[in-house]
Amino acid sequence: MKDKNQHAVWLRVGGTLFVTEGEMEMLMHSEKDVASYLLHRLLQKGRFEPNGDSYIPADCVDAYNQNYETTYCVEDVEFSL
């Protein structure tokens, strides 16, 4: 959770999710809100390992600049975790 000294920026993170067979079934075949709730719960429990291609999209950099009056170069910022 963010504190008063932190700013928000959207980031797409690639990685591995650790699931049981039943959880995988729910993720793949449940209603979207049920699958989303399960995913959120798994992330909160730490059953995710960031280890893939990740990036901050250029439009998110632009929004960050506008929100926080910064001048970062507006381009995709890529990471390989």
PDB file of N, CA and C in Angstrom:
ATOM      1  N   MET A   1       0.838  -1.173   0.000  1.00  0.00           N
ATOM      2  CA  MET A   1       0.000   0.000   0.000  1.00  0.00           C
ATOM      3  C   MET A   1       0.887   1.241   0.000  1.00  0.00           C
ATOM      4  N   LYS A   2       0.376   2.282  -0.582  1.00  0.00           N
ATOM      5  CA  LYS A   2       1.200   3.476  -0.751  1.00  0.00           C
ATOM      6  C   LYS A   2       1.133   4.378   0.471  1.00  0.00           C
ATOM      7  N   ASP A   3       2.251   5.051   0.744  1.00  0.00           N
ATOM      8  CA  ASP A   3       2.259   6.056   1.796  1.00  0.00           C
ATOM      9  C   ASP A   3       2.370   7.437   1.151  1.00  0.00           C
ATOM     10  N   LYS A   4       2.436   8.469   1.954  1.00  0.00           N
ATOM     11  CA  LYS A   4       2.385   9.833   1.433  1.00  0.00           C
ATOM     12  C   LYS A   4       3.575  10.211   0.560  1.00  0.00           C
ATOM     13  N   ASN A   5       4.686   9.486   0.658  1.00  0.00           N
ATOM     14  CA  ASN A   5       5.873   9.792  -0.139  1.00  0.00           C
ATOM     15  C   ASN A   5       5.964   8.978  -1.428  1.00  0.00           C
ATOM     16  N   GLN A   6       4.956   8.165  -1.699  1.00  0.00           N
ATOM     17  CA  GLN A   6       4.981   7.312  -2.884  1.00  0.00           C
ATOM     18  C   GLN A   6       3.991   7.795  -3.929  1.00  0.00           C
ATOM     19  N   HIS A   7       4.347   7.586  -5.196  1.00  0.00           N
ATOM     20  CA  HIS A   7       3.470   7.896  -6.320  1.00  0.00           C
ATOM     21  C   HIS A   7       3.064   6.593  -6.992  1.00  0.00           C
ATOM     22  N   ALA A   8       1.922   6.593  -7.637  1.00  0.00           N
ATOM     23  CA  ALA A   8       1.423   5.404  -8.322  1.00  0.00           C
ATOM     24  C   ALA A   8       1.800   5.441  -9.798  1.00  0.00           C
ATOM     25  N   VAL A   9       2.263   4.312 -10.319  1.00  0.00           N
ATOM     26  CA  VAL A   9       2.500   4.152 -11.750  1.00  0.00           C
ATOM     27  C   VAL A   9       2.082   2.731 -12.109  1.00  0.00           C
ATOM     28  N   TRP A  10       1.370   2.597 -13.238  1.00  0.00           N
ATOM     29  CA  TRP A  10       0.888   1.289 -13.653  1.00  0.00           C
ATOM     30  C   TRP A  10       2.019   0.509 -14.307  1.00  0.00           C
ATOM     31  N   LEU A  11       2.124  -0.776 -13.968  1.00  0.00           N
ATOM     32  CA  LEU A  11       3.186  -1.648 -14.454  1.00  0.00           C
ATOM     33  C   LEU A  11       2.600  -3.010 -14.788  1.00  0.00           C
ATOM     34  N   ARG A  12       2.918  -3.540 -15.956  1.00  0.00           N
ATOM     35  CA  ARG A  12       2.543  -4.917 -16.305  1.00  0.00           C
ATOM     36  C   ARG A  12       3.720  -5.799 -15.909  1.00  0.00           C
ATOM     37  N   VAL A  13       3.455  -6.793 -15.044  1.00  0.00           N
ATOM     38  CA  VAL A  13       4.512  -7.646 -14.518  1.00  0.00           C
ATOM     39  C   VAL A  13       4.302  -9.075 -15.015  1.00  0.00           C
ATOM     40  N   GLY A  14       5.342  -9.630 -15.630  1.00  0.00           N
ATOM     41  CA  GLY A  14       5.314 -11.029 -16.037  1.00  0.00           C
ATOM     42  C   GLY A  14       5.892 -11.898 -14.939  1.00  0.00           C
ATOM     43  N   GLY A  15       5.345 -13.078 -14.795  1.00  0.00           N
ATOM     44  CA  GLY A  15       5.874 -13.961 -13.767  1.00  0.00           C
ATOM     45  C   GLY A  15       5.144 -15.276 -13.708  1.00  0.00           C
ATOM     46  N   THR A  16       5.395 -15.998 -12.638  1.00  0.00           N
ATOM     47  CA  THR A  16       4.834 -17.325 -12.436  1.00  0.00           C
ATOM     48  C   THR A  16       3.879 -17.301 -11.254  1.00  0.00           C
ATOM     49  N   LEU A  17       2.708 -17.875 -11.459  1.00  0.00           N
ATOM     50  CA  LEU A  17       1.694 -18.002 -10.422  1.00  0.00           C
ATOM     51  C   LEU A  17       1.684 -19.454  -9.966  1.00  0.00           C
ATOM     52  N   PHE A  18       1.705 -19.694  -8.663  1.00  0.00           N
ATOM     53  CA  PHE A  18       1.716 -21.049  -8.117  1.00  0.00           C
ATOM     54  C   PHE A  18       0.309 -21.410  -7.648  1.00  0.00           C
ATOM     55  N   VAL A  19      -0.302 -22.408  -8.321  1.00  0.00           N
ATOM     56  CA  VAL A  19      -1.706 -22.752  -8.095  1.00  0.00           C
ATOM     57  C   VAL A  19      -1.871 -24.257  -7.897  1.00  0.00           C
ATOM     58  N   THR A  20      -2.969 -24.615  -7.254  1.00  0.00           N
ATOM     59  CA  THR A  20      -3.378 -26.013  -7.185  1.00  0.00           C
ATOM     60  C   THR A  20      -4.166 -26.336  -8.457  1.00  0.00           C
ATOM     61  N   GLU A  21      -4.442 -27.596  -8.657  1.00  0.00           N
ATOM     62  CA  GLU A  21      -5.235 -27.997  -9.828  1.00  0.00           C
ATOM     63  C   GLU A  21      -6.623 -27.353  -9.780  1.00  0.00           C
ATOM     64  N   GLY A  22      -7.218 -27.322  -8.592  1.00  0.00           N
ATOM     65  CA  GLY A  22      -8.537 -26.718  -8.439  1.00  0.00           C
ATOM     66  C   GLY A  22      -8.525 -25.219  -8.706  1.00  0.00           C
ATOM     67  N   GLU A  23      -7.468 -24.532  -8.258  1.00  0.00           N
ATOM     68  CA  GLU A  23      -7.349 -23.089  -8.507  1.00  0.00           C
ATOM     69  C   GLU A  23      -7.179 -22.800  -9.994  1.00  0.00           C
ATOM     70  N   MET A  24      -6.391 -23.639 -10.672  1.00  0.00           N
ATOM     71  CA  MET A  24      -6.222 -23.451 -12.110  1.00  0.00           C
ATOM     72  C   MET A  24      -7.549 -23.623 -12.831  1.00  0.00           C
ATOM     73  N   GLU A  25      -8.318 -24.597 -12.425  1.00  0.00           N
ATOM     74  CA  GLU A  25      -9.649 -24.812 -13.004  1.00  0.00           C
ATOM     75  C   GLU A  25     -10.509 -23.565 -12.801  1.00  0.00           C
ATOM     76  N   MET A  26     -10.458 -23.003 -11.602  1.00  0.00           N
ATOM     77  CA  MET A  26     -11.246 -21.796 -11.324  1.00  0.00           C
ATOM     78  C   MET A  26     -10.770 -20.613 -12.164  1.00  0.00           C
ATOM     79  N   LEU A  27      -9.457 -20.447 -12.305  1.00  0.00           N
ATOM     80  CA  LEU A  27      -8.930 -19.341 -13.101  1.00  0.00           C
ATOM     81  C   LEU A  27      -9.348 -19.458 -14.566  1.00  0.00           C
ATOM     82  N   MET A  28      -9.374 -20.671 -15.075  1.00  0.00           N
ATOM     83  CA  MET A  28      -9.640 -20.883 -16.493  1.00  0.00           C
ATOM     84  C   MET A  28     -11.121 -20.942 -16.848  1.00  0.00           C
ATOM     85  N   HIS A  29     -11.965 -21.390 -15.907  1.00  0.00           N
ATOM     86  CA  HIS A  29     -13.355 -21.666 -16.273  1.00  0.00           C
ATOM     87  C   HIS A  29     -14.404 -20.974 -15.414  1.00  0.00           C
ATOM     88  N   SER A  30     -14.010 -20.140 -14.479  1.00  0.00           N
ATOM     89  CA  SER A  30     -14.987 -19.453 -13.629  1.00  0.00           C
ATOM     90  C   SER A  30     -15.450 -18.156 -14.275  1.00  0.00           C
ATOM     91  N   GLU A  31     -16.517 -17.626 -13.726  1.00  0.00           N
ATOM     92  CA  GLU A  31     -16.942 -16.288 -14.119  1.00  0.00           C
ATOM     93  C   GLU A  31     -15.783 -15.336 -13.850  1.00  0.00           C
ATOM     94  N   LYS A  32     -15.712 -14.273 -14.626  1.00  0.00           N
ATOM     95  CA  LYS A  32     -14.578 -13.352 -14.539  1.00  0.00           C
ATOM     96  C   LYS A  32     -14.385 -12.785 -13.136  1.00  0.00           C
ATOM     97  N   ASP A  33     -15.466 -12.440 -12.447  1.00  0.00           N
ATOM     98  CA  ASP A  33     -15.316 -11.854 -11.111  1.00  0.00           C
ATOM     99  C   ASP A  33     -14.798 -12.879 -10.104  1.00  0.00           C
ATOM    100  N   VAL A  34     -15.178 -14.145 -10.246  1.00  0.00           N
ATOM    101  CA  VAL A  34     -14.687 -15.206  -9.353  1.00  0.00           C
ATOM    102  C   VAL A  34     -13.203 -15.443  -9.603  1.00  0.00           C
ATOM    103  N   ALA A  35     -12.806 -15.534 -10.872  1.00  0.00           N
ATOM    104  CA  ALA A  35     -11.399 -15.739 -11.225  1.00  0.00           C
ATOM    105  C   ALA A  35     -10.552 -14.547 -10.776  1.00  0.00           C
ATOM    106  N   SER A  36     -11.065 -13.348 -10.935  1.00  0.00           N
ATOM    107  CA  SER A  36     -10.337 -12.151 -10.514  1.00  0.00           C
ATOM    108  C   SER A  36     -10.144 -12.129  -8.999  1.00  0.00           C
ATOM    109  N   TYR A  37     -11.178 -12.508  -8.269  1.00  0.00           N
ATOM    110  CA  TYR A  37     -11.080 -12.567  -6.810  1.00  0.00           C
ATOM    111  C   TYR A  37     -10.018 -13.582  -6.397  1.00  0.00           C
ATOM    112  N   LEU A  38     -10.022 -14.757  -7.031  1.00  0.00           N
ATOM    113  CA  LEU A  38      -9.029 -15.783  -6.716  1.00  0.00           C
ATOM    114  C   LEU A  38      -7.623 -15.286  -7.030  1.00  0.00           C
ATOM    115  N   LEU A  39      -7.439 -14.667  -8.187  1.00  0.00           N
ATOM    116  CA  LEU A  39      -6.124 -14.148  -8.547  1.00  0.00           C
ATOM    117  C   LEU A  39      -5.645 -13.132  -7.502  1.00  0.00           C
ATOM    118  N   HIS A  40      -6.512 -12.234  -7.119  1.00  0.00           N
ATOM    119  CA  HIS A  40      -6.162 -11.238  -6.111  1.00  0.00           C
ATOM    120  C   HIS A  40      -5.742 -11.912  -4.809  1.00  0.00           C
ATOM    121  N   ARG A  41      -6.478 -12.925  -4.392  1.00  0.00           N
ATOM    122  CA  ARG A  41      -6.163 -13.661  -3.167  1.00  0.00           C
ATOM    123  C   ARG A  41      -4.797 -14.353  -3.270  1.00  0.00           C
ATOM    124  N   LEU A  42      -4.528 -14.984  -4.424  1.00  0.00           N
ATOM    125  CA  LEU A  42      -3.246 -15.669  -4.614  1.00  0.00           C
ATOM    126  C   LEU A  42      -2.079 -14.678  -4.559  1.00  0.00           C
ATOM    127  N   LEU A  43      -2.269 -13.517  -5.166  1.00  0.00           N
ATOM    128  CA  LEU A  43      -1.223 -12.495  -5.135  1.00  0.00           C
ATOM    129  C   LEU A  43      -0.981 -12.014  -3.708  1.00  0.00           C
ATOM    130  N   GLN A  44      -2.060 -11.794  -2.960  1.00  0.00           N
ATOM    131  CA  GLN A  44      -1.924 -11.354  -1.575  1.00  0.00           C
ATOM    132  C   GLN A  44      -1.195 -12.386  -0.711  1.00  0.00           C
ATOM    133  N   LYS A  45      -1.377 -13.657  -1.029  1.00  0.00           N
ATOM    134  CA  LYS A  45      -0.736 -14.727  -0.270  1.00  0.00           C
ATOM    135  C   LYS A  45       0.716 -14.955  -0.692  1.00  0.00           C
ATOM    136  N   GLY A  46       1.190 -14.202  -1.686  1.00  0.00           N
ATOM    137  CA  GLY A  46       2.575 -14.333  -2.111  1.00  0.00           C
ATOM    138  C   GLY A  46       2.843 -15.521  -3.016  1.00  0.00           C
ATOM    139  N   ARG A  47       1.817 -16.013  -3.692  1.00  0.00           N
ATOM    140  CA  ARG A  47       1.980 -17.176  -4.554  1.00  0.00           C
ATOM    141  C   ARG A  47       2.231 -16.754  -6.005  1.00  0.00           C
ATOM    142  N   PHE A  48       3.070 -15.772  -6.150  1.00  0.00           N
ATOM    143  CA  PHE A  48       3.464 -15.227  -7.442  1.00  0.00           C
ATOM    144  C   PHE A  48       4.939 -14.880  -7.378  1.00  0.00           C
ATOM    145  N   GLU A  49       5.663 -15.227  -8.425  1.00  0.00           N
ATOM    146  CA  GLU A  49       7.080 -14.877  -8.505  1.00  0.00           C
ATOM    147  C   GLU A  49       7.320 -14.048  -9.759  1.00  0.00           C
ATOM    148  N   PRO A  50       7.693 -12.772  -9.619  1.00  0.00           N
ATOM    149  CA  PRO A  50       7.994 -11.969 -10.809  1.00  0.00           C
ATOM    150  C   PRO A  50       9.266 -12.494 -11.456  1.00  0.00           C
ATOM    151  N   ASN A  51       9.154 -12.960 -12.692  1.00  0.00           N
ATOM    152  CA  ASN A  51      10.324 -13.539 -13.356  1.00  0.00           C
ATOM    153  C   ASN A  51      10.186 -13.523 -14.879  1.00  0.00           C
ATOM    154  N   GLY A  52       9.524 -12.528 -15.396  1.00  0.00           N
ATOM    155  CA  GLY A  52       9.343 -12.473 -16.839  1.00  0.00           C
ATOM    156  C   GLY A  52       9.440 -11.060 -17.361  1.00  0.00           C
ATOM    157  N   ASP A  53       9.115 -10.920 -18.632  1.00  0.00           N
ATOM    158  CA  ASP A  53       9.125  -9.600 -19.257  1.00  0.00           C
ATOM    159  C   ASP A  53       8.081  -8.710 -18.597  1.00  0.00           C
ATOM    160  N   SER A  54       8.495  -7.526 -18.219  1.00  0.00           N
ATOM    161  CA  SER A  54       7.623  -6.570 -17.547  1.00  0.00           C
ATOM    162  C   SER A  54       7.878  -5.192 -18.147  1.00  0.00           C
ATOM    163  N   TYR A  55       6.894  -4.305 -18.046  1.00  0.00           N
ATOM    164  CA  TYR A  55       7.104  -2.971 -18.599  1.00  0.00           C
ATOM    165  C   TYR A  55       6.119  -1.960 -18.041  1.00  0.00           C
ATOM    166  N   ILE A  56       6.534  -0.697 -18.133  1.00  0.00           N
ATOM    167  CA  ILE A  56       5.650   0.437 -17.879  1.00  0.00           C
ATOM    168  C   ILE A  56       5.333   1.013 -19.253  1.00  0.00           C
ATOM    169  N   PRO A  57       4.070   0.963 -19.690  1.00  0.00           N
ATOM    170  CA  PRO A  57       3.718   1.474 -21.011  1.00  0.00           C
ATOM    171  C   PRO A  57       3.931   2.988 -21.122  1.00  0.00           C
ATOM    172  N   ALA A  58       4.250   3.431 -22.333  1.00  0.00           N
ATOM    173  CA  ALA A  58       4.508   4.856 -22.582  1.00  0.00           C
ATOM    174  C   ALA A  58       3.352   5.734 -22.115  1.00  0.00           C
ATOM    175  N   ASP A  59       2.107   5.293 -22.353  1.00  0.00           N
ATOM    176  CA  ASP A  59       0.979   6.135 -21.941  1.00  0.00           C
ATOM    177  C   ASP A  59       0.899   6.266 -20.418  1.00  0.00           C
ATOM    178  N   CYS A  60       1.420   5.277 -19.686  1.00  0.00           N
ATOM    179  CA  CYS A  60       1.458   5.376 -18.225  1.00  0.00           C
ATOM    180  C   CYS A  60       2.562   6.328 -17.767  1.00  0.00           C
ATOM    181  N   VAL A  61       3.665   6.358 -18.512  1.00  0.00           N
ATOM    182  CA  VAL A  61       4.723   7.335 -18.225  1.00  0.00           C
ATOM    183  C   VAL A  61       4.180   8.738 -18.454  1.00  0.00           C
ATOM    184  N   ASP A  62       3.441   8.907 -19.540  1.00  0.00           N
ATOM    185  CA  ASP A  62       2.841  10.212 -19.852  1.00  0.00           C
ATOM    186  C   ASP A  62       1.867  10.637 -18.749  1.00  0.00           C
ATOM    187  N   ALA A  63       1.025   9.710 -18.312  1.00  0.00           N
ATOM    188  CA  ALA A  63       0.081  10.014 -17.230  1.00  0.00           C
ATOM    189  C   ALA A  63       0.820  10.360 -15.938  1.00  0.00           C
ATOM    190  N   TYR A  64       1.900   9.641 -15.656  1.00  0.00           N
ATOM    191  CA  TYR A  64       2.711   9.920 -14.473  1.00  0.00           C
ATOM    192  C   TYR A  64       3.263  11.341 -14.552  1.00  0.00           C
ATOM    193  N   ASN A  65       3.804  11.703 -15.715  1.00  0.00           N
ATOM    194  CA  ASN A  65       4.330  13.057 -15.904  1.00  0.00           C
ATOM    195  C   ASN A  65       3.258  14.107 -15.639  1.00  0.00           C
ATOM    196  N   GLN A  66       2.072  13.866 -16.149  1.00  0.00           N
ATOM    197  CA  GLN A  66       0.981  14.830 -15.966  1.00  0.00           C
ATOM    198  C   GLN A  66       0.553  14.903 -14.501  1.00  0.00           C
ATOM    199  N   ASN A  67       0.438  13.749 -13.864  1.00  0.00           N
ATOM    200  CA  ASN A  67      -0.031  13.704 -12.472  1.00  0.00           C
ATOM    201  C   ASN A  67       0.960  14.304 -11.488  1.00  0.00           C
ATOM    202  N   TYR A  68       2.255  14.100 -11.744  1.00  0.00           N
ATOM    203  CA  TYR A  68       3.259  14.476 -10.762  1.00  0.00           C
ATOM    204  C   TYR A  68       4.215  15.557 -11.258  1.00  0.00           C
ATOM    205  N   GLU A  69       3.866  16.183 -12.393  1.00  0.00           N
ATOM    206  CA  GLU A  69       4.636  17.294 -12.956  1.00  0.00           C
ATOM    207  C   GLU A  69       6.110  16.923 -13.140  1.00  0.00           C
ATOM    208  N   THR A  70       6.341  15.754 -13.746  1.00  0.00           N
ATOM    209  CA  THR A  70       7.688  15.298 -14.075  1.00  0.00           C
ATOM    210  C   THR A  70       7.866  15.343 -15.588  1.00  0.00           C
ATOM    211  N   THR A  71       9.063  15.070 -16.038  1.00  0.00           N
ATOM    212  CA  THR A  71       9.349  15.158 -17.481  1.00  0.00           C
ATOM    213  C   THR A  71      10.096  13.928 -17.989  1.00  0.00           C
ATOM    214  N   TYR A  72       9.724  12.748 -17.500  1.00  0.00           N
ATOM    215  CA  TYR A  72      10.367  11.534 -17.984  1.00  0.00           C
ATOM    216  C   TYR A  72      10.062  11.335 -19.466  1.00  0.00           C
ATOM    217  N   CYS A  73      11.020  10.760 -20.189  1.00  0.00           N
ATOM    218  CA  CYS A  73      10.848  10.464 -21.603  1.00  0.00           C
ATOM    219  C   CYS A  73       9.653   9.520 -21.764  1.00  0.00           C
ATOM    220  N   VAL A  74       8.723   9.888 -22.637  1.00  0.00           N
ATOM    221  CA  VAL A  74       7.509   9.095 -22.823  1.00  0.00           C
ATOM    222  C   VAL A  74       7.806   7.959 -23.802  1.00  0.00           C
ATOM    223  N   GLU A  75       8.131   6.807 -23.238  1.00  0.00           N
ATOM    224  CA  GLU A  75       8.402   5.593 -24.007  1.00  0.00           C
ATOM    225  C   GLU A  75       8.146   4.394 -23.105  1.00  0.00           C
ATOM    226  N   ASP A  76       7.958   3.216 -23.719  1.00  0.00           N
ATOM    227  CA  ASP A  76       7.838   2.012 -22.914  1.00  0.00           C
ATOM    228  C   ASP A  76       9.136   1.806 -22.153  1.00  0.00           C
ATOM    229  N   VAL A  77       9.032   1.480 -20.878  1.00  0.00           N
ATOM    230  CA  VAL A  77      10.187   1.168 -20.056  1.00  0.00           C
ATOM    231  C   VAL A  77      10.130  -0.330 -19.776  1.00  0.00           C
ATOM    232  N   GLU A  78      11.073  -1.082 -20.333  1.00  0.00           N
ATOM    233  CA  GLU A  78      11.032  -2.542 -20.261  1.00  0.00           C
ATOM    234  C   GLU A  78      12.019  -3.100 -19.235  1.00  0.00           C
ATOM    235  N   PHE A  79      11.602  -4.200 -18.598  1.00  0.00           N
ATOM    236  CA  PHE A  79      12.407  -4.899 -17.615  1.00  0.00           C
ATOM    237  C   PHE A  79      12.358  -6.393 -17.920  1.00  0.00           C
ATOM    238  N   SER A  80      13.430  -7.095 -17.693  1.00  0.00           N
ATOM    239  CA  SER A  80      13.441  -8.540 -17.788  1.00  0.00           C
ATOM    240  C   SER A  80      13.817  -9.078 -16.410  1.00  0.00           C
ATOM    241  N   LEU A  81      12.844  -9.621 -15.721  1.00  0.00           N
ATOM    242  CA  LEU A  81      13.052 -10.072 -14.333  1.00  0.00           C
ATOM    243  C   LEU A  81      13.533 -11.501 -14.283  1.00  0.00           C
TER     244      LEU A  81
END
